[in-house]
Amino acid sequence: MTDSTDDDARSQPSAFELIGGEARVRELVDRFYDLMDLEPEFAGIRALHPPTLEGSRDKLFWFLCGWLGGPSHYTDRFGHPMLRARHLPFAIASSERDQWLRCMAWAMEDAGLPEWLRERLLRAFFDTADWMRNRPG
């Protein structure tokens, strides 16, 4: 006998599907990095990135596809993300966490994600971004 809650969970669309698949994730990532590059309020996190953002765009796109429940592009290329370890060389305090979250919230809004989905994703992004902090403040 199968537990009906397991069947319900499997029948629920993933966040990847709710966003609209790879093309929409790419749109979200591109808007995120465009905002980071253009808006002065994100200068702190922009300074943590290389001069050109193409590699960063690809890595976040690959990572988010899998993190959202879609294809595992990132792990197929690099193995386990080890996010905290990969971010340890960069000074990340509450200010950088908050800039990242604000930039992503703005990108999700510009990408036209419905409010209920933006709120759901922002809660999950907060948990991950908060875990990335490696400096006081």
N, C-alpha and C. Protein backbone atom coordinates (compact mmCIF):
# COMPACT_ATOMS: atom_id res chain seq x y z
N MET A 1 0.85 -1.18 0.00
CA MET A 1 0.00 0.00 0.00
C MET A 1 0.89 1.24 0.00
N THR A 2 0.53 2.22 -0.79
CA THR A 2 1.30 3.46 -0.90
C THR A 2 0.67 4.54 -0.04
N ASP A 3 1.50 5.27 0.66
CA ASP A 3 1.03 6.39 1.47
C ASP A 3 0.58 7.52 0.53
N SER A 4 -0.66 7.99 0.70
CA SER A 4 -1.18 9.02 -0.21
C SER A 4 -0.41 10.33 -0.11
N THR A 5 0.20 10.62 1.04
CA THR A 5 0.98 11.86 1.15
C THR A 5 2.23 11.79 0.28
N ASP A 6 2.82 10.59 0.13
CA ASP A 6 3.96 10.43 -0.77
C ASP A 6 3.54 10.69 -2.21
N ASP A 7 2.36 10.15 -2.60
CA ASP A 7 1.86 10.38 -3.94
C ASP A 7 1.58 11.85 -4.18
N ASP A 8 1.01 12.53 -3.18
CA ASP A 8 0.72 13.96 -3.30
C ASP A 8 2.00 14.76 -3.49
N ALA A 9 3.04 14.42 -2.73
CA ALA A 9 4.31 15.15 -2.83
C ALA A 9 4.93 14.96 -4.20
N ARG A 10 4.85 13.75 -4.74
CA ARG A 10 5.43 13.49 -6.06
C ARG A 10 4.65 14.16 -7.17
N SER A 11 3.36 14.39 -6.95
CA SER A 11 2.55 15.00 -7.99
C SER A 11 2.61 16.52 -7.96
N GLN A 12 3.20 17.10 -6.92
CA GLN A 12 3.33 18.55 -6.83
C GLN A 12 4.45 19.01 -7.76
N PRO A 13 4.22 20.09 -8.49
CA PRO A 13 5.29 20.60 -9.37
C PRO A 13 6.44 21.16 -8.54
N SER A 14 7.64 20.99 -9.07
CA SER A 14 8.82 21.55 -8.40
C SER A 14 8.86 23.06 -8.60
N ALA A 15 9.67 23.73 -7.81
CA ALA A 15 9.87 25.17 -8.00
C ALA A 15 10.41 25.44 -9.40
N PHE A 16 11.26 24.55 -9.90
CA PHE A 16 11.79 24.68 -11.26
C PHE A 16 10.65 24.72 -12.27
N GLU A 17 9.69 23.81 -12.12
CA GLU A 17 8.54 23.79 -13.02
C GLU A 17 7.65 25.01 -12.82
N LEU A 18 7.47 25.42 -11.57
CA LEU A 18 6.63 26.58 -11.29
C LEU A 18 7.22 27.86 -11.88
N ILE A 19 8.53 27.97 -11.88
CA ILE A 19 9.18 29.13 -12.48
C ILE A 19 9.01 29.14 -13.98
N GLY A 20 9.04 27.95 -14.59
CA GLY A 20 8.86 27.86 -16.04
C GLY A 20 10.02 27.21 -16.75
N GLY A 21 10.87 26.47 -16.02
CA GLY A 21 11.94 25.73 -16.66
C GLY A 21 13.21 26.53 -16.88
N GLU A 22 14.09 25.94 -17.67
CA GLU A 22 15.44 26.50 -17.86
C GLU A 22 15.44 27.92 -18.42
N ALA A 23 14.60 28.18 -19.40
CA ALA A 23 14.60 29.52 -20.01
C ALA A 23 14.26 30.58 -18.98
N ARG A 24 13.31 30.29 -18.11
CA ARG A 24 12.91 31.27 -17.09
C ARG A 24 13.95 31.37 -15.97
N VAL A 25 14.60 30.27 -15.63
CA VAL A 25 15.67 30.35 -14.64
C VAL A 25 16.82 31.19 -15.20
N ARG A 26 17.14 30.99 -16.46
CA ARG A 26 18.20 31.80 -17.10
C ARG A 26 17.81 33.28 -17.09
N GLU A 27 16.55 33.57 -17.39
CA GLU A 27 16.07 34.96 -17.35
C GLU A 27 16.24 35.55 -15.95
N LEU A 28 15.88 34.78 -14.95
CA LEU A 28 16.01 35.23 -13.57
C LEU A 28 17.47 35.52 -13.22
N VAL A 29 18.35 34.60 -13.54
CA VAL A 29 19.77 34.75 -13.25
C VAL A 29 20.35 35.95 -14.00
N ASP A 30 20.00 36.09 -15.26
CA ASP A 30 20.52 37.23 -16.02
C ASP A 30 20.03 38.55 -15.44
N ARG A 31 18.78 38.61 -15.03
CA ARG A 31 18.28 39.85 -14.42
C ARG A 31 18.98 40.11 -13.09
N PHE A 32 19.21 39.07 -12.31
CA PHE A 32 19.92 39.20 -11.04
C PHE A 32 21.30 39.84 -11.26
N TYR A 33 22.06 39.30 -12.20
CA TYR A 33 23.40 39.84 -12.42
C TYR A 33 23.38 41.20 -13.12
N ASP A 34 22.37 41.46 -13.95
CA ASP A 34 22.24 42.79 -14.54
C ASP A 34 22.03 43.82 -13.43
N LEU A 35 21.13 43.51 -12.51
CA LEU A 35 20.88 44.43 -11.40
C LEU A 35 22.12 44.62 -10.54
N MET A 36 22.82 43.52 -10.26
CA MET A 36 24.03 43.60 -9.45
C MET A 36 25.05 44.51 -10.12
N ASP A 37 25.14 44.43 -11.41
CA ASP A 37 26.11 45.21 -12.17
C ASP A 37 25.72 46.68 -12.28
N LEU A 38 24.42 46.97 -12.27
CA LEU A 38 23.94 48.31 -12.55
C LEU A 38 23.55 49.14 -11.33
N GLU A 39 23.06 48.50 -10.31
CA GLU A 39 22.49 49.24 -9.17
C GLU A 39 23.52 49.47 -8.08
N PRO A 40 23.72 50.74 -7.69
CA PRO A 40 24.72 51.07 -6.66
C PRO A 40 24.49 50.36 -5.32
N GLU A 41 23.24 50.05 -5.00
CA GLU A 41 22.96 49.41 -3.70
C GLU A 41 23.55 48.00 -3.60
N PHE A 42 23.96 47.44 -4.76
CA PHE A 42 24.54 46.10 -4.76
C PHE A 42 26.05 46.11 -4.96
N ALA A 43 26.66 47.27 -4.79
CA ALA A 43 28.11 47.41 -5.01
C ALA A 43 28.92 46.48 -4.11
N GLY A 44 28.44 46.24 -2.91
CA GLY A 44 29.17 45.37 -1.98
C GLY A 44 29.29 43.95 -2.49
N ILE A 45 28.21 43.40 -3.01
CA ILE A 45 28.29 42.03 -3.53
C ILE A 45 28.91 42.00 -4.92
N ARG A 46 28.74 43.08 -5.66
CA ARG A 46 29.38 43.12 -6.99
C ARG A 46 30.89 43.05 -6.86
N ALA A 47 31.42 43.70 -5.82
CA ALA A 47 32.87 43.74 -5.60
C ALA A 47 33.43 42.35 -5.28
N LEU A 48 32.59 41.42 -4.87
CA LEU A 48 33.04 40.06 -4.56
C LEU A 48 33.18 39.19 -5.80
N HIS A 49 32.73 39.71 -6.94
CA HIS A 49 32.71 38.95 -8.19
C HIS A 49 33.83 39.39 -9.12
N PRO A 50 34.17 38.55 -10.10
CA PRO A 50 35.19 38.93 -11.09
C PRO A 50 34.69 40.09 -11.96
N PRO A 51 35.60 40.73 -12.69
CA PRO A 51 35.21 41.87 -13.54
C PRO A 51 34.10 41.53 -14.55
N THR A 52 34.16 40.35 -15.14
CA THR A 52 33.08 39.93 -16.03
C THR A 52 32.27 38.86 -15.32
N LEU A 53 30.97 38.86 -15.57
CA LEU A 53 30.07 38.01 -14.81
C LEU A 53 29.60 36.76 -15.54
N GLU A 54 30.12 36.50 -16.73
CA GLU A 54 29.63 35.37 -17.51
C GLU A 54 29.76 34.04 -16.75
N GLY A 55 30.92 33.80 -16.17
CA GLY A 55 31.11 32.56 -15.43
C GLY A 55 30.20 32.47 -14.22
N SER A 56 30.02 33.58 -13.53
CA SER A 56 29.12 33.62 -12.38
C SER A 56 27.68 33.36 -12.81
N ARG A 57 27.29 33.95 -13.93
CA ARG A 57 25.93 33.73 -14.45
C ARG A 57 25.70 32.24 -14.72
N ASP A 58 26.65 31.61 -15.40
CA ASP A 58 26.49 30.20 -15.72
C ASP A 58 26.44 29.35 -14.46
N LYS A 59 27.32 29.60 -13.52
CA LYS A 59 27.34 28.76 -12.31
C LYS A 59 26.07 28.91 -11.49
N LEU A 60 25.57 30.14 -11.35
CA LEU A 60 24.32 30.30 -10.61
C LEU A 60 23.17 29.65 -11.36
N PHE A 61 23.13 29.80 -12.67
CA PHE A 61 22.08 29.15 -13.47
C PHE A 61 22.14 27.64 -13.29
N TRP A 62 23.32 27.05 -13.45
CA TRP A 62 23.45 25.61 -13.30
C TRP A 62 23.03 25.16 -11.90
N PHE A 63 23.49 25.92 -10.88
CA PHE A 63 23.16 25.57 -9.51
C PHE A 63 21.65 25.67 -9.27
N LEU A 64 21.06 26.81 -9.66
CA LEU A 64 19.63 27.00 -9.38
C LEU A 64 18.75 25.98 -10.08
N CYS A 65 19.12 25.58 -11.28
CA CYS A 65 18.32 24.55 -11.96
C CYS A 65 18.15 23.34 -11.05
N GLY A 66 19.23 22.83 -10.50
CA GLY A 66 19.16 21.67 -9.63
C GLY A 66 18.53 21.97 -8.28
N TRP A 67 18.89 23.10 -7.70
CA TRP A 67 18.39 23.49 -6.37
C TRP A 67 16.87 23.65 -6.40
N LEU A 68 16.35 24.09 -7.54
CA LEU A 68 14.91 24.30 -7.68
C LEU A 68 14.16 23.02 -8.06
N GLY A 69 14.89 21.93 -8.29
CA GLY A 69 14.25 20.66 -8.61
C GLY A 69 14.30 20.27 -10.07
N GLY A 70 15.14 20.96 -10.85
CA GLY A 70 15.30 20.64 -12.26
C GLY A 70 16.57 19.86 -12.52
N PRO A 71 17.12 19.99 -13.72
CA PRO A 71 18.33 19.25 -14.09
C PRO A 71 19.52 19.58 -13.19
N SER A 72 20.36 18.60 -12.97
CA SER A 72 21.52 18.73 -12.06
C SER A 72 22.77 19.19 -12.81
N HIS A 73 22.65 20.28 -13.56
CA HIS A 73 23.77 20.77 -14.36
C HIS A 73 25.02 21.05 -13.53
N TYR A 74 24.84 21.66 -12.37
CA TYR A 74 25.99 22.03 -11.56
C TYR A 74 26.72 20.79 -11.04
N THR A 75 25.99 19.89 -10.41
CA THR A 75 26.64 18.71 -9.84
C THR A 75 27.21 17.81 -10.93
N ASP A 76 26.59 17.80 -12.10
CA ASP A 76 27.15 17.03 -13.22
C ASP A 76 28.53 17.55 -13.62
N ARG A 77 28.72 18.86 -13.50
CA ARG A 77 29.99 19.48 -13.90
C ARG A 77 31.03 19.50 -12.77
N PHE A 78 30.57 19.80 -11.55
CA PHE A 78 31.50 20.09 -10.46
C PHE A 78 31.37 19.20 -9.24
N GLY A 79 30.39 18.34 -9.20
CA GLY A 79 30.15 17.55 -8.01
C GLY A 79 29.31 18.33 -7.01
N HIS A 80 29.36 17.91 -5.76
CA HIS A 80 28.56 18.56 -4.71
C HIS A 80 28.89 20.05 -4.66
N PRO A 81 27.88 20.92 -4.52
CA PRO A 81 28.13 22.36 -4.53
C PRO A 81 29.02 22.87 -3.40
N MET A 82 28.97 22.25 -2.24
CA MET A 82 29.79 22.72 -1.10
C MET A 82 29.74 24.25 -1.00
N LEU A 83 28.55 24.80 -0.98
CA LEU A 83 28.37 26.25 -1.06
C LEU A 83 29.16 27.02 -0.03
N ARG A 84 29.07 26.61 1.21
CA ARG A 84 29.77 27.36 2.26
C ARG A 84 31.28 27.32 2.03
N ALA A 85 31.82 26.19 1.73
CA ALA A 85 33.26 26.08 1.50
C ALA A 85 33.69 26.93 0.30
N ARG A 86 32.90 26.92 -0.76
CA ARG A 86 33.24 27.71 -1.95
C ARG A 86 33.15 29.21 -1.71
N HIS A 87 32.37 29.61 -0.72
CA HIS A 87 32.20 31.04 -0.43
C HIS A 87 33.08 31.54 0.72
N LEU A 88 33.79 30.64 1.40
CA LEU A 88 34.64 31.06 2.53
C LEU A 88 35.70 32.10 2.17
N PRO A 89 36.27 32.09 0.97
CA PRO A 89 37.28 33.11 0.66
C PRO A 89 36.71 34.54 0.58
N PHE A 90 35.39 34.66 0.54
CA PHE A 90 34.76 35.97 0.38
C PHE A 90 34.16 36.42 1.70
N ALA A 91 34.36 37.68 2.04
CA ALA A 91 33.82 38.23 3.28
C ALA A 91 32.31 38.43 3.11
N ILE A 92 31.55 37.61 3.81
CA ILE A 92 30.10 37.67 3.73
C ILE A 92 29.55 37.87 5.14
N ALA A 93 28.99 39.06 5.36
CA ALA A 93 28.34 39.39 6.62
C ALA A 93 26.86 39.64 6.32
N SER A 94 26.13 40.14 7.28
CA SER A 94 24.70 40.38 7.09
C SER A 94 24.44 41.35 5.94
N SER A 95 25.31 42.34 5.77
CA SER A 95 25.13 43.32 4.70
C SER A 95 25.16 42.64 3.33
N GLU A 96 26.13 41.78 3.10
CA GLU A 96 26.24 41.08 1.81
C GLU A 96 25.07 40.12 1.63
N ARG A 97 24.70 39.43 2.70
CA ARG A 97 23.53 38.53 2.64
C ARG A 97 22.30 39.32 2.21
N ASP A 98 22.09 40.47 2.86
CA ASP A 98 20.90 41.26 2.58
C ASP A 98 20.91 41.86 1.18
N GLN A 99 22.10 42.27 0.70
CA GLN A 99 22.19 42.76 -0.67
C GLN A 99 21.83 41.65 -1.66
N TRP A 100 22.37 40.45 -1.42
CA TRP A 100 22.09 39.33 -2.32
C TRP A 100 20.59 39.04 -2.35
N LEU A 101 19.97 39.00 -1.18
CA LEU A 101 18.54 38.71 -1.10
C LEU A 101 17.71 39.81 -1.77
N ARG A 102 18.07 41.06 -1.55
CA ARG A 102 17.34 42.17 -2.17
C ARG A 102 17.47 42.11 -3.69
N CYS A 103 18.67 41.83 -4.16
CA CYS A 103 18.91 41.73 -5.60
C CYS A 103 18.09 40.58 -6.20
N MET A 104 18.05 39.45 -5.52
CA MET A 104 17.26 38.31 -6.02
C MET A 104 15.77 38.60 -5.95
N ALA A 105 15.32 39.25 -4.89
CA ALA A 105 13.89 39.61 -4.79
C ALA A 105 13.49 40.52 -5.94
N TRP A 106 14.34 41.49 -6.25
CA TRP A 106 14.07 42.42 -7.34
C TRP A 106 14.05 41.67 -8.67
N ALA A 107 15.02 40.78 -8.87
CA ALA A 107 15.08 40.00 -10.10
C ALA A 107 13.85 39.11 -10.26
N MET A 108 13.40 38.49 -9.17
CA MET A 108 12.21 37.64 -9.25
C MET A 108 10.98 38.47 -9.61
N GLU A 109 10.88 39.66 -9.03
CA GLU A 109 9.76 40.54 -9.36
C GLU A 109 9.81 40.95 -10.83
N ASP A 110 11.00 41.38 -11.29
CA ASP A 110 11.15 41.78 -12.69
C ASP A 110 10.88 40.63 -13.65
N ALA A 111 11.20 39.41 -13.23
CA ALA A 111 10.97 38.23 -14.08
C ALA A 111 9.49 37.82 -14.09
N GLY A 112 8.69 38.49 -13.28
CA GLY A 112 7.26 38.23 -13.29
C GLY A 112 6.81 37.02 -12.51
N LEU A 113 7.63 36.56 -11.56
CA LEU A 113 7.20 35.43 -10.73
C LEU A 113 6.05 35.89 -9.84
N PRO A 114 5.04 35.05 -9.66
CA PRO A 114 3.93 35.44 -8.80
C PRO A 114 4.39 35.66 -7.36
N GLU A 115 3.70 36.54 -6.67
CA GLU A 115 4.11 36.92 -5.32
C GLU A 115 4.24 35.72 -4.39
N TRP A 116 3.29 34.78 -4.45
CA TRP A 116 3.35 33.62 -3.56
C TRP A 116 4.61 32.79 -3.80
N LEU A 117 5.05 32.70 -5.07
CA LEU A 117 6.26 31.94 -5.39
C LEU A 117 7.50 32.72 -4.97
N ARG A 118 7.50 34.03 -5.18
CA ARG A 118 8.63 34.87 -4.73
C ARG A 118 8.82 34.74 -3.23
N GLU A 119 7.73 34.78 -2.48
CA GLU A 119 7.81 34.67 -1.02
C GLU A 119 8.36 33.31 -0.60
N ARG A 120 7.87 32.26 -1.23
CA ARG A 120 8.33 30.89 -0.93
C ARG A 120 9.83 30.77 -1.21
N LEU A 121 10.27 31.25 -2.37
CA LEU A 121 11.68 31.15 -2.74
C LEU A 121 12.55 32.03 -1.86
N LEU A 122 12.07 33.22 -1.53
CA LEU A 122 12.86 34.12 -0.69
C LEU A 122 13.12 33.52 0.69
N ARG A 123 12.15 32.81 1.23
CA ARG A 123 12.37 32.14 2.53
C ARG A 123 13.48 31.10 2.40
N ALA A 124 13.46 30.33 1.33
CA ALA A 124 14.50 29.31 1.12
C ALA A 124 15.84 29.97 0.82
N PHE A 125 15.83 31.03 0.01
CA PHE A 125 17.07 31.76 -0.28
C PHE A 125 17.66 32.35 1.01
N PHE A 126 16.80 32.86 1.88
CA PHE A 126 17.30 33.44 3.13
C PHE A 126 18.06 32.40 3.93
N ASP A 127 17.49 31.22 4.08
CA ASP A 127 18.16 30.18 4.86
C ASP A 127 19.55 29.88 4.30
N THR A 128 19.65 29.78 2.99
CA THR A 128 20.94 29.48 2.36
C THR A 128 21.89 30.67 2.49
N ALA A 129 21.40 31.87 2.20
CA ALA A 129 22.24 33.07 2.25
C ALA A 129 22.71 33.33 3.68
N ASP A 130 21.85 33.10 4.65
CA ASP A 130 22.25 33.31 6.04
C ASP A 130 23.34 32.33 6.45
N TRP A 131 23.27 31.12 5.96
CA TRP A 131 24.27 30.08 6.25
C TRP A 131 25.63 30.44 5.62
N MET A 132 25.61 31.26 4.59
CA MET A 132 26.86 31.65 3.91
C MET A 132 27.66 32.69 4.69
N ARG A 133 27.01 33.35 5.65
CA ARG A 133 27.74 34.39 6.40
C ARG A 133 28.95 33.78 7.09
N ASN A 134 30.09 34.45 6.93
CA ASN A 134 31.33 33.95 7.54
C ASN A 134 32.11 35.07 8.24
N ARG A 135 31.46 36.21 8.40
CA ARG A 135 32.05 37.35 9.10
C ARG A 135 31.01 37.92 10.05
N PRO A 136 31.46 38.49 11.16
CA PRO A 136 30.48 39.11 12.06
C PRO A 136 29.86 40.35 11.41
N GLY A 137 28.71 40.69 11.92
CA GLY A 137 28.05 41.92 11.44
C GLY A 137 26.98 41.66 10.44
